PDB file of N, CA and C in Angstrom:
ATOM      1  N   MET A   1     107.149 111.977 100.622  1.00  0.00           N
ATOM      2  CA  MET A   1     107.466 112.913  99.558  1.00  0.00           C
ATOM      3  C   MET A   1     108.436 112.239  98.584  1.00  0.00           C
ATOM      4  N   GLY A   2     108.256 112.582  97.337  1.00  0.00           N
ATOM      5  CA  GLY A   2     109.139 112.049  96.315  1.00  0.00           C
ATOM      6  C   GLY A   2     108.636 110.785  95.656  1.00  0.00           C
ATOM      7  N   LYS A   3     107.564 110.188  96.200  1.00  0.00           N
ATOM      8  CA  LYS A   3     106.986 108.980  95.616  1.00  0.00           C
ATOM      9  C   LYS A   3     105.466 109.103  95.582  1.00  0.00           C
ATOM     10  N   VAL A   4     104.872 108.499  94.585  1.00  0.00           N
ATOM     11  CA  VAL A   4     103.423 108.347  94.579  1.00  0.00           C
ATOM     12  C   VAL A   4     103.117 107.399  95.744  1.00  0.00           C
ATOM     13  N   THR A   5     102.199 107.809  96.615  1.00  0.00           N
ATOM     14  CA  THR A   5     101.940 107.044  97.841  1.00  0.00           C
ATOM     15  C   THR A   5     100.453 106.832  98.060  1.00  0.00           C
ATOM     16  N   LEU A   6     100.115 105.615  98.423  1.00  0.00           N
ATOM     17  CA  LEU A   6      98.756 105.282  98.835  1.00  0.00           C
ATOM     18  C   LEU A   6      98.777 105.079 100.342  1.00  0.00           C
ATOM     19  N   ILE A   7      97.964 105.841 101.051  1.00  0.00           N
ATOM     20  CA  ILE A   7      97.809 105.658 102.495  1.00  0.00           C
ATOM     21  C   ILE A   7      96.483 104.940 102.701  1.00  0.00           C
ATOM     22  N   ASP A   8      96.557 103.771 103.316  1.00  0.00           N
ATOM     23  CA  ASP A   8      95.401 102.898 103.483  1.00  0.00           C
ATOM     24  C   ASP A   8      95.074 102.747 104.962  1.00  0.00           C
ATOM     25  N   PHE A   9      93.934 103.276 105.377  1.00  0.00           N
ATOM     26  CA  PHE A   9      93.462 103.122 106.749  1.00  0.00           C
ATOM     27  C   PHE A   9      92.594 101.863 106.803  1.00  0.00           C
ATOM     28  N   TRP A  10      92.901 100.968 107.733  1.00  0.00           N
ATOM     29  CA  TRP A  10      92.202  99.692 107.816  1.00  0.00           C
ATOM     30  C   TRP A  10      92.326  99.150 109.240  1.00  0.00           C
ATOM     31  N   ALA A  11      91.744  97.975 109.483  1.00  0.00           N
ATOM     32  CA  ALA A  11      91.900  97.268 110.756  1.00  0.00           C
ATOM     33  C   ALA A  11      91.611  95.791 110.542  1.00  0.00           C
ATOM     34  N   SER A  12      92.202  94.978 111.369  1.00  0.00           N
ATOM     35  CA  SER A  12      92.013  93.528 111.242  1.00  0.00           C
ATOM     36  C   SER A  12      90.565  93.107 111.473  1.00  0.00           C
ATOM     37  N   TRP A  13      89.852  93.834 112.316  1.00  0.00           N
ATOM     38  CA  TRP A  13      88.472  93.505 112.664  1.00  0.00           C
ATOM     39  C   TRP A  13      87.457  94.039 111.658  1.00  0.00           C
ATOM     40  N   CYS A  14      87.909  94.810 110.681  1.00  0.00           N
ATOM     41  CA  CYS A  14      87.033  95.459 109.693  1.00  0.00           C
ATOM     42  C   CYS A  14      86.871  94.555 108.469  1.00  0.00           C
ATOM     43  N   GLN A  15      85.719  93.917 108.336  1.00  0.00           N
ATOM     44  CA  GLN A  15      85.520  92.979 107.225  1.00  0.00           C
ATOM     45  C   GLN A  15      85.613  93.660 105.861  1.00  0.00           C
ATOM     46  N   PRO A  16      85.030  94.852 105.665  1.00  0.00           N
ATOM     47  CA  PRO A  16      85.213  95.510 104.358  1.00  0.00           C
ATOM     48  C   PRO A  16      86.691  95.801 104.057  1.00  0.00           C
ATOM     49  N   CYS A  17      87.471  96.089 105.092  1.00  0.00           N
ATOM     50  CA  CYS A  17      88.913  96.320 104.904  1.00  0.00           C
ATOM     51  C   CYS A  17      89.590  95.046 104.429  1.00  0.00           C
ATOM     52  N   ARG A  18      89.271  93.954 105.077  1.00  0.00           N
ATOM     53  CA  ARG A  18      89.892  92.673 104.741  1.00  0.00           C
ATOM     54  C   ARG A  18      89.480  92.239 103.339  1.00  0.00           C
ATOM     55  N   THR A  19      88.248  92.560 102.958  1.00  0.00           N
ATOM     56  CA  THR A  19      87.777  92.250 101.608  1.00  0.00           C
ATOM     57  C   THR A  19      88.519  93.094 100.573  1.00  0.00           C
ATOM     58  N   ALA A  20      88.867  94.328 100.942  1.00  0.00           N
ATOM     59  CA  ALA A  20      89.576  95.232 100.024  1.00  0.00           C
ATOM     60  C   ALA A  20      91.071  94.933  99.940  1.00  0.00           C
ATOM     61  N   ASN A  21      91.636  94.272 100.937  1.00  0.00           N
ATOM     62  CA  ASN A  21      93.079  94.061 100.967  1.00  0.00           C
ATOM     63  C   ASN A  21      93.650  93.387  99.719  1.00  0.00           C
ATOM     64  N   PRO A  22      92.986  92.390  99.122  1.00  0.00           N
ATOM     65  CA  PRO A  22      93.558  91.805  97.902  1.00  0.00           C
ATOM     66  C   PRO A  22      93.727  92.830  96.765  1.00  0.00           C
ATOM     67  N   LYS A  23      92.863  93.818  96.696  1.00  0.00           N
ATOM     68  CA  LYS A  23      93.010  94.851  95.670  1.00  0.00           C
ATOM     69  C   LYS A  23      94.207  95.751  95.964  1.00  0.00           C
ATOM     70  N   VAL A  24      94.456  96.016  97.242  1.00  0.00           N
ATOM     71  CA  VAL A  24      95.622  96.815  97.618  1.00  0.00           C
ATOM     72  C   VAL A  24      96.892  96.017  97.305  1.00  0.00           C
ATOM     73  N   VAL A  25      96.881  94.722  97.600  1.00  0.00           N
ATOM     74  CA  VAL A  25      98.013  93.846  97.265  1.00  0.00           C
ATOM     75  C   VAL A  25      98.256  93.873  95.752  1.00  0.00           C
ATOM     76  N   ALA A  26      97.186  93.820  94.971  1.00  0.00           N
ATOM     77  CA  ALA A  26      97.324  93.843  93.509  1.00  0.00           C
ATOM     78  C   ALA A  26      97.949  95.158  93.040  1.00  0.00           C
ATOM     79  N   LEU A  27      97.549  96.275  93.639  1.00  0.00           N
ATOM     80  CA  LEU A  27      98.155  97.569  93.288  1.00  0.00           C
ATOM     81  C   LEU A  27      99.645  97.560  93.605  1.00  0.00           C
ATOM     82  N   TYR A  28      99.982  97.054  94.772  1.00  0.00           N
ATOM     83  CA  TYR A  28     101.385  96.978  95.168  1.00  0.00           C
ATOM     84  C   TYR A  28     102.178  96.128  94.165  1.00  0.00           C
ATOM     85  N   ASN A  29     101.646  94.951  93.863  1.00  0.00           N
ATOM     86  CA  ASN A  29     102.340  94.042  92.952  1.00  0.00           C
ATOM     87  C   ASN A  29     102.512  94.640  91.558  1.00  0.00           C
ATOM     88  N   GLU A  30     101.535  95.389  91.110  1.00  0.00           N
ATOM     89  CA  GLU A  30     101.595  95.962  89.765  1.00  0.00           C
ATOM     90  C   GLU A  30     102.488  97.203  89.694  1.00  0.00           C
ATOM     91  N   PHE A  31     102.480  98.029  90.732  1.00  0.00           N
ATOM     92  CA  PHE A  31     103.108  99.352  90.617  1.00  0.00           C
ATOM     93  C   PHE A  31     104.303  99.628  91.535  1.00  0.00           C
ATOM     94  N   HIS A  32     104.582  98.775  92.486  1.00  0.00           N
ATOM     95  CA  HIS A  32     105.667  99.087  93.426  1.00  0.00           C
ATOM     96  C   HIS A  32     107.017  99.257  92.724  1.00  0.00           C
ATOM     97  N   LYS A  33     107.342  98.370  91.813  1.00  0.00           N
ATOM     98  CA  LYS A  33     108.634  98.456  91.126  1.00  0.00           C
ATOM     99  C   LYS A  33     108.746  99.711  90.271  1.00  0.00           C
ATOM    100  N   GLN A  34     107.594 100.309  89.933  1.00  0.00           N
ATOM    101  CA  GLN A  34     107.593 101.542  89.145  1.00  0.00           C
ATOM    102  C   GLN A  34     107.649 102.774  90.055  1.00  0.00           C
ATOM    103  N   GLY A  35     107.541 102.579  91.380  1.00  0.00           N
ATOM    104  CA  GLY A  35     107.686 103.699  92.295  1.00  0.00           C
ATOM    105  C   GLY A  35     106.535 103.943  93.247  1.00  0.00           C
ATOM    106  N   LEU A  36     105.490 103.105  93.224  1.00  0.00           N
ATOM    107  CA  LEU A  36     104.376 103.298  94.160  1.00  0.00           C
ATOM    108  C   LEU A  36     104.789 102.879  95.568  1.00  0.00           C
ATOM    109  N   ASN A  37     104.488 103.730  96.522  1.00  0.00           N
ATOM    110  CA  ASN A  37     104.715 103.451  97.922  1.00  0.00           C
ATOM    111  C   ASN A  37     103.346 103.281  98.590  1.00  0.00           C
ATOM    112  N   ILE A  38     103.223 102.289  99.456  1.00  0.00           N
ATOM    113  CA  ILE A  38     101.976 102.111 100.219  1.00  0.00           C
ATOM    114  C   ILE A  38     102.326 102.144 101.699  1.00  0.00           C
ATOM    115  N   ILE A  39     101.522 102.864 102.448  1.00  0.00           N
ATOM    116  CA  ILE A  39     101.628 102.879 103.907  1.00  0.00           C
ATOM    117  C   ILE A  39     100.249 102.521 104.443  1.00  0.00           C
ATOM    118  N   SER A  40     100.189 101.455 105.208  1.00  0.00           N
ATOM    119  CA  SER A  40      98.928 101.060 105.827  1.00  0.00           C
ATOM    120  C   SER A  40      98.909 101.519 107.270  1.00  0.00           C
ATOM    121  N   VAL A  41      97.828 102.186 107.641  1.00  0.00           N
ATOM    122  CA  VAL A  41      97.636 102.673 109.001  1.00  0.00           C
ATOM    123  C   VAL A  41      96.524 101.834 109.621  1.00  0.00           C
ATOM    124  N   SER A  42      96.910 101.000 110.568  1.00  0.00           N
ATOM    125  CA  SER A  42      95.938 100.122 111.208  1.00  0.00           C
ATOM    126  C   SER A  42      95.275 100.825 112.383  1.00  0.00           C
ATOM    127  N   LEU A  43      93.972 100.687 112.445  1.00  0.00           N
ATOM    128  CA  LEU A  43      93.206 101.235 113.560  1.00  0.00           C
ATOM    129  C   LEU A  43      92.779 100.108 114.496  1.00  0.00           C
ATOM    130  N   ASP A  44      93.718  99.203 114.699  1.00  0.00           N
ATOM    131  CA  ASP A  44      93.509  98.090 115.618  1.00  0.00           C
ATOM    132  C   ASP A  44      93.810  98.508 117.051  1.00  0.00           C
ATOM    133  N   LYS A  45      93.412  97.638 117.965  1.00  0.00           N
ATOM    134  CA  LYS A  45      93.745  97.818 119.381  1.00  0.00           C
ATOM    135  C   LYS A  45      94.605  96.649 119.877  1.00  0.00           C
ATOM    136  N   ASP A  46      94.480  95.516 119.226  1.00  0.00           N
ATOM    137  CA  ASP A  46      95.191  94.310 119.633  1.00  0.00           C
ATOM    138  C   ASP A  46      96.340  94.033 118.653  1.00  0.00           C
ATOM    139  N   ALA A  47      97.564  94.083 119.147  1.00  0.00           N
ATOM    140  CA  ALA A  47      98.749  93.915 118.294  1.00  0.00           C
ATOM    141  C   ALA A  47      98.795  92.538 117.636  1.00  0.00           C
ATOM    142  N   GLU A  48      98.407  91.507 118.362  1.00  0.00           N
ATOM    143  CA  GLU A  48      98.471  90.161 117.811  1.00  0.00           C
ATOM    144  C   GLU A  48      97.484  89.981 116.661  1.00  0.00           C
ATOM    145  N   ASP A  49      96.260  90.481 116.819  1.00  0.00           N
ATOM    146  CA  ASP A  49      95.271  90.404 115.741  1.00  0.00           C
ATOM    147  C   ASP A  49      95.763  91.167 114.509  1.00  0.00           C
ATOM    148  N   TRP A  50      96.351  92.328 114.744  1.00  0.00           N
ATOM    149  CA  TRP A  50      96.879  93.157 113.661  1.00  0.00           C
ATOM    150  C   TRP A  50      97.983  92.415 112.894  1.00  0.00           C
ATOM    151  N   LYS A  51      98.957  91.880 113.625  1.00  0.00           N
ATOM    152  CA  LYS A  51     100.070  91.176 112.986  1.00  0.00           C
ATOM    153  C   LYS A  51      99.614  89.919 112.257  1.00  0.00           C
ATOM    154  N   THR A  52      98.643  89.222 112.827  1.00  0.00           N
ATOM    155  CA  THR A  52      98.109  88.021 112.179  1.00  0.00           C
ATOM    156  C   THR A  52      97.433  88.386 110.859  1.00  0.00           C
ATOM    157  N   ALA A  53      96.666  89.456 110.855  1.00  0.00           N
ATOM    158  CA  ALA A  53      95.975  89.894 109.636  1.00  0.00           C
ATOM    159  C   ALA A  53      96.976  90.325 108.559  1.00  0.00           C
ATOM    160  N   ILE A  54      98.045  91.012 108.962  1.00  0.00           N
ATOM    161  CA  ILE A  54      99.081  91.421 108.010  1.00  0.00           C
ATOM    162  C   ILE A  54      99.652  90.194 107.314  1.00  0.00           C
ATOM    163  N   ALA A  55      99.995  89.192 108.099  1.00  0.00           N
ATOM    164  CA  ALA A  55     100.576  87.970 107.534  1.00  0.00           C
ATOM    165  C   ALA A  55      99.569  87.221 106.661  1.00  0.00           C
ATOM    166  N   LYS A  56      98.352  87.076 107.159  1.00  0.00           N
ATOM    167  CA  LYS A  56      97.333  86.316 106.430  1.00  0.00           C
ATOM    168  C   LYS A  56      96.971  86.977 105.104  1.00  0.00           C
ATOM    169  N   ASP A  57      96.914  88.318 105.086  1.00  0.00           N
ATOM    170  CA  ASP A  57      96.513  89.039 103.878  1.00  0.00           C
ATOM    171  C   ASP A  57      97.689  89.373 102.968  1.00  0.00           C
ATOM    172  N   GLY A  58      98.918  89.079 103.400  1.00  0.00           N
ATOM    173  CA  GLY A  58     100.093  89.306 102.563  1.00  0.00           C
ATOM    174  C   GLY A  58     100.429  90.773 102.350  1.00  0.00           C
ATOM    175  N   LEU A  59     100.296  91.563 103.402  1.00  0.00           N
ATOM    176  CA  LEU A  59     100.547  93.007 103.323  1.00  0.00           C
ATOM    177  C   LEU A  59     102.019  93.262 103.630  1.00  0.00           C
ATOM    178  N   ILE A  60     102.857  93.289 102.588  1.00  0.00           N
ATOM    179  CA  ILE A  60     104.308  93.284 102.773  1.00  0.00           C
ATOM    180  C   ILE A  60     104.942  94.675 102.780  1.00  0.00           C
ATOM    181  N   TRP A  61     104.145  95.712 102.685  1.00  0.00           N
ATOM    182  CA  TRP A  61     104.665  97.081 102.696  1.00  0.00           C
ATOM    183  C   TRP A  61     104.631  97.630 104.121  1.00  0.00           C
ATOM    184  N   THR A  62     104.981  98.902 104.284  1.00  0.00           N
ATOM    185  CA  THR A  62     105.048  99.540 105.595  1.00  0.00           C
ATOM    186  C   THR A  62     103.690  99.530 106.296  1.00  0.00           C
ATOM    187  N   GLN A  63     103.711  99.065 107.539  1.00  0.00           N
ATOM    188  CA  GLN A  63     102.516  98.995 108.380  1.00  0.00           C
ATOM    189  C   GLN A  63     102.782  99.788 109.651  1.00  0.00           C
ATOM    190  N   VAL A  64     101.851 100.656 110.032  1.00  0.00           N
ATOM    191  CA  VAL A  64     101.995 101.408 111.273  1.00  0.00           C
ATOM    192  C   VAL A  64     100.687 101.355 112.064  1.00  0.00           C
ATOM    193  N   SER A  65     100.809 101.448 113.376  1.00  0.00           N
ATOM    194  CA  SER A  65      99.636 101.514 114.234  1.00  0.00           C
ATOM    195  C   SER A  65     100.053 101.994 115.616  1.00  0.00           C
ATOM    196  N   ASN A  66      99.228 102.815 116.206  1.00  0.00           N
ATOM    197  CA  ASN A  66      99.404 103.201 117.608  1.00  0.00           C
ATOM    198  C   ASN A  66      98.527 102.358 118.516  1.00  0.00           C
ATOM    199  N   LEU A  67      97.790 101.416 117.905  1.00  0.00           N
ATOM    200  CA  LEU A  67      96.894 100.518 118.638  1.00  0.00           C
ATOM    201  C   LEU A  67      95.878 101.291 119.471  1.00  0.00           C
ATOM    202  N   LYS A  68      95.324 102.354 118.854  1.00  0.00           N
ATOM    203  CA  LYS A  68      94.349 103.201 119.542  1.00  0.00           C
ATOM    204  C   LYS A  68      93.015 103.254 118.806  1.00  0.00           C
ATOM    205  N   GLU A  69      92.805 102.339 117.861  1.00  0.00           N
ATOM    206  CA  GLU A  69      91.599 102.332 117.047  1.00  0.00           C
ATOM    207  C   GLU A  69      91.292 103.737 116.523  1.00  0.00           C
ATOM    208  N   MET A  70      90.057 104.180 116.621  1.00  0.00           N
ATOM    209  CA  MET A  70      89.667 105.473 116.064  1.00  0.00           C
ATOM    210  C   MET A  70      90.143 106.661 116.903  1.00  0.00           C
ATOM    211  N   ASP A  71      90.799 106.387 118.028  1.00  0.00           N
ATOM    212  CA  ASP A  71      91.361 107.461 118.852  1.00  0.00           C
ATOM    213  C   ASP A  71      92.787 107.827 118.435  1.00  0.00           C
ATOM    214  N   ASP A  72      93.282 107.199 117.385  1.00  0.00           N
ATOM    215  CA  ASP A  72      94.624 107.502 116.887  1.00  0.00           C
ATOM    216  C   ASP A  72      94.656 108.938 116.366  1.00  0.00           C
ATOM    217  N   PRO A  73      95.649 109.734 116.748  1.00  0.00           N
ATOM    218  CA  PRO A  73      95.709 111.137 116.291  1.00  0.00           C
ATOM    219  C   PRO A  73      95.693 111.301 114.770  1.00  0.00           C
ATOM    220  N   ILE A  74      96.238 110.332 114.037  1.00  0.00           N
ATOM    221  CA  ILE A  74      96.261 110.459 112.577  1.00  0.00           C
ATOM    222  C   ILE A  74      94.854 110.383 111.989  1.00  0.00           C
ATOM    223  N   VAL A  75      93.937 109.742 112.705  1.00  0.00           N
ATOM    224  CA  VAL A  75      92.542 109.673 112.261  1.00  0.00           C
ATOM    225  C   VAL A  75      91.957 111.084 112.190  1.00  0.00           C
ATOM    226  N   LYS A  76      92.226 111.853 113.211  1.00  0.00           N
ATOM    227  CA  LYS A  76      91.737 113.235 113.233  1.00  0.00           C
ATOM    228  C   LYS A  76      92.460 114.082 112.189  1.00  0.00           C
ATOM    229  N   GLN A  77      93.770 113.880 112.051  1.00  0.00           N
ATOM    230  CA  GLN A  77      94.568 114.649 111.096  1.00  0.00           C
ATOM    231  C   GLN A  77      94.054 114.473 109.667  1.00  0.00           C
ATOM    232  N   TYR A  78      93.686 113.243 109.311  1.00  0.00           N
ATOM    233  CA  TYR A  78      93.207 112.966 107.963  1.00  0.00           C
ATOM    234  C   TYR A  78      91.688 113.031 107.845  1.00  0.00           C
ATOM    235  N   GLY A  79      90.986 113.221 108.953  1.00  0.00           N
ATOM    236  CA  GLY A  79      89.532 113.308 108.910  1.00  0.00           C
ATOM    237  C   GLY A  79      88.853 111.992 108.579  1.00  0.00           C
ATOM    238  N   VAL A  80      89.459 110.899 109.001  1.00  0.00           N
ATOM    239  CA  VAL A  80      88.909 109.574 108.721  1.00  0.00           C
ATOM    240  C   VAL A  80      87.757 109.308 109.685  1.00  0.00           C
ATOM    241  N   SER A  81      86.598 108.959 109.136  1.00  0.00           N
ATOM    242  CA  SER A  81      85.452 108.662 109.987  1.00  0.00           C
ATOM    243  C   SER A  81      84.981 107.215 109.835  1.00  0.00           C
ATOM    244  N   LEU A  82      85.455 106.535 108.808  1.00  0.00           N
ATOM    245  CA  LEU A  82      85.134 105.122 108.622  1.00  0.00           C
ATOM    246  C   LEU A  82      86.267 104.469 107.861  1.00  0.00           C
ATOM    247  N   ILE A  83      86.330 103.145 107.960  1.00  0.00           N
ATOM    248  CA  ILE A  83      87.355 102.405 107.239  1.00  0.00           C
ATOM    249  C   ILE A  83      86.706 101.276 106.460  1.00  0.00           C
ATOM    250  N   PRO A  84      87.308 100.874 105.354  1.00  0.00           N
ATOM    251  CA  PRO A  84      88.584 101.337 104.826  1.00  0.00           C
ATOM    252  C   PRO A  84      88.465 102.733 104.195  1.00  0.00           C
ATOM    253  N   THR A  85      89.529 103.486 104.323  1.00  0.00           N
ATOM    254  CA  THR A  85      89.657 104.787 103.665  1.00  0.00           C
ATOM    255  C   THR A  85      91.054 104.845 103.072  1.00  0.00           C
ATOM    256  N   THR A  86      91.142 105.301 101.817  1.00  0.00           N
ATOM    257  CA  THR A  86      92.440 105.419 101.163  1.00  0.00           C
ATOM    258  C   THR A  86      92.639 106.838 100.648  1.00  0.00           C
ATOM    259  N   PHE A  87      93.888 107.270 100.723  1.00  0.00           N
ATOM    260  CA  PHE A  87      94.306 108.561 100.197  1.00  0.00           C
ATOM    261  C   PHE A  87      95.433 108.305  99.209  1.00  0.00           C
ATOM    262  N   LEU A  88      95.303 108.842  98.010  1.00  0.00           N
ATOM    263  CA  LEU A  88      96.365 108.754  97.017  1.00  0.00           C
ATOM    264  C   LEU A  88      97.075 110.095  96.966  1.00  0.00           C
ATOM    265  N   LEU A  89      98.401 110.071  97.150  1.00  0.00           N
ATOM    266  CA  LEU A  89      99.210 111.287  97.160  1.00  0.00           C
ATOM    267  C   LEU A  89     100.156 111.289  95.967  1.00  0.00           C
ATOM    268  N   ASP A  90     100.345 112.461  95.376  1.00  0.00           N
ATOM    269  CA  ASP A  90     101.320 112.576  94.295  1.00  0.00           C
ATOM    270  C   ASP A  90     102.720 112.723  94.885  1.00  0.00           C
ATOM    271  N   VAL A  91     103.725 112.886  94.040  1.00  0.00           N
ATOM    272  CA  VAL A  91     105.106 112.927  94.512  1.00  0.00           C
ATOM    273  C   VAL A  91     105.392 114.122  95.420  1.00  0.00           C
ATOM    274  N   SER A  92     104.560 115.165  95.345  1.00  0.00           N
ATOM    275  CA  SER A  92     104.759 116.325  96.212  1.00  0.00           C
ATOM    276  C   SER A  92     104.053 116.170  97.555  1.00  0.00           C
ATOM    277  N   GLY A  93     103.298 115.072  97.736  1.00  0.00           N
ATOM    278  CA  GLY A  93     102.568 114.839  98.977  1.00  0.00           C
ATOM    279  C   GLY A  93     101.154 115.378  98.964  1.00  0.00           C
ATOM    280  N   LYS A  94     100.724 115.909  97.816  1.00  0.00           N
ATOM    281  CA  LYS A  94      99.365 116.441  97.685  1.00  0.00           C
ATOM    282  C   LYS A  94      98.367 115.297  97.490  1.00  0.00           C
ATOM    283  N   VAL A  95      97.256 115.347  98.227  1.00  0.00           N
ATOM    284  CA  VAL A  95      96.202 114.351  98.075  1.00  0.00           C
ATOM    285  C   VAL A  95      95.518 114.577  96.729  1.00  0.00           C
ATOM    286  N   VAL A  96      95.532 113.540  95.890  1.00  0.00           N
ATOM    287  CA  VAL A  96      94.926 113.639  94.558  1.00  0.00           C
ATOM    288  C   VAL A  96      93.745 112.691  94.391  1.00  0.00           C
ATOM    289  N   GLY A  97      93.456 111.903  95.421  1.00  0.00           N
ATOM    290  CA  GLY A  97      92.311 111.003  95.357  1.00  0.00           C
ATOM    291  C   GLY A  97      92.005 110.422  96.724  1.00  0.00           C
ATOM    292  N   ILE A  98      90.715 110.302  97.006  1.00  0.00           N
ATOM    293  CA  ILE A  98      90.255 109.696  98.259  1.00  0.00           C
ATOM    294  C   ILE A  98      89.212 108.649  97.923  1.00  0.00           C
ATOM    295  N   ASP A  99      89.422 107.437  98.410  1.00  0.00           N
ATOM    296  CA  ASP A  99      88.463 106.336  98.223  1.00  0.00           C
ATOM    297  C   ASP A  99      88.043 106.164  96.763  1.00  0.00           C
ATOM    298  N   MET A 100      89.001 106.195  95.880  1.00  0.00           N
ATOM    299  CA  MET A 100      88.714 106.042  94.461  1.00  0.00           C
ATOM    300  C   MET A 100      88.351 104.586  94.148  1.00  0.00           C
ATOM    301  N   PRO A 101      87.422 104.368  93.217  1.00  0.00           N
ATOM    302  CA  PRO A 101      87.171 102.993  92.764  1.00  0.00           C
ATOM    303  C   PRO A 101      88.473 102.387  92.223  1.00  0.00           C
ATOM    304  N   HIS A 102      88.614 101.084  92.355  1.00  0.00           N
ATOM    305  CA  HIS A 102      89.873 100.401  92.046  1.00  0.00           C
ATOM    306  C   HIS A 102      90.417 100.725  90.653  1.00  0.00           C
ATOM    307  N   GLU A 103      89.594 100.594  89.631  1.00  0.00           N
ATOM    308  CA  GLU A 103      90.080 100.827  88.264  1.00  0.00           C
ATOM    309  C   GLU A 103      90.475 102.285  88.050  1.00  0.00           C
ATOM    310  N   GLU A 104      89.720 103.197  88.646  1.00  0.00           N
ATOM    311  CA  GLU A 104      90.053 104.617  88.554  1.00  0.00           C
ATOM    312  C   GLU A 104      91.379 104.904  89.267  1.00  0.00           C
ATOM    313  N   MET A 105      91.577 104.240  90.401  1.00  0.00           N
ATOM    314  CA  MET A 105      92.828 104.431  91.139  1.00  0.00           C
ATOM    315  C   MET A 105      94.006 103.895  90.327  1.00  0.00           C
ATOM    316  N   LYS A 106      93.836 102.737  89.711  1.00  0.00           N
ATOM    317  CA  LYS A 106      94.905 102.187  88.878  1.00  0.00           C
ATOM    318  C   LYS A 106      95.287 103.161  87.767  1.00  0.00           C
ATOM    319  N   LEU A 107      94.305 103.732  87.118  1.00  0.00           N
ATOM    320  CA  LEU A 107      94.558 104.682  86.043  1.00  0.00           C
ATOM    321  C   LEU A 107      95.299 105.909  86.573  1.00  0.00           C
ATOM    322  N   LYS A 108      94.862 106.430  87.708  1.00  0.00           N
ATOM    323  CA  LYS A 108      95.490 107.619  88.292  1.00  0.00           C
ATOM    324  C   LYS A 108      96.927 107.318  88.716  1.00  0.00           C
ATOM    325  N   ILE A 109      97.152 106.159  89.324  1.00  0.00           N
ATOM    326  CA  ILE A 109      98.512 105.771  89.720  1.00  0.00           C
ATOM    327  C   ILE A 109      99.401 105.685  88.490  1.00  0.00           C
ATOM    328  N   ARG A 110      98.904 105.053  87.450  1.00  0.00           N
ATOM    329  CA  ARG A 110      99.671 104.929  86.205  1.00  0.00           C
ATOM    330  C   ARG A 110     100.038 106.316  85.666  1.00  0.00           C
ATOM    331  N   GLN A 111      99.080 107.235  85.662  1.00  0.00           N
ATOM    332  CA  GLN A 111      99.334 108.591  85.185  1.00  0.00           C
ATOM    333  C   GLN A 111     100.392 109.292  86.045  1.00  0.00           C
ATOM    334  N   LEU A 112     100.249 109.177  87.362  1.00  0.00           N
ATOM    335  CA  LEU A 112     101.192 109.822  88.269  1.00  0.00           C
ATOM    336  C   LEU A 112     102.604 109.267  88.119  1.00  0.00           C
ATOM    337  N   LEU A 113     102.715 107.968  87.959  1.00  0.00           N
ATOM    338  CA  LEU A 113     104.029 107.347  87.815  1.00  0.00           C
ATOM    339  C   LEU A 113     104.695 107.729  86.492  1.00  0.00           C
ATOM    340  N   ASN A 114     103.893 107.931  85.459  1.00  0.00           N
ATOM    341  CA  ASN A 114     104.421 108.312  84.159  1.00  0.00           C
ATOM    342  C   ASN A 114     104.897 109.768  84.139  1.00  0.00           C
ATOM    343  N   LYS A 115     104.419 110.592  85.076  1.00  0.00           N
ATOM    344  CA  LYS A 115     104.824 112.006  85.156  1.00  0.00           C
ATOM    345  C   LYS A 115     106.196 112.162  85.797  1.00  0.00           C
ATOM    346  N   LYS A 116     106.620 111.168  86.559  1.00  0.00           N
ATOM    347  CA  LYS A 116     107.870 111.293  87.327  1.00  0.00           C
ATOM    348  C   LYS A 116     109.069 111.535  86.449  1.00  0.00           C
TER     349      LYS A 116
END
């Protein structure tokens, strides 16, 4: 709450997730100083694979995982059925976008940050 936040569900073993990670890094680099917060939720089972992927992909923001893959309770809470899945939240915590195309997400983030 209080920040525009992107919640990114991913896993080290998910090739589409790893392919998408550079775009998430680009969003972070462009908007973090303006107030964008990113939280990555890993659906990994192996801690070492997860940590290696974080380092290799340069994911320097908050990373969380219960190491339960799709059995993680947050998966059910957010209704995630496949990854990568992203949720964009406004400063009040309301979901304002799910799995938005990159350019559309950039525009929405810019709009949300300008409203603050």
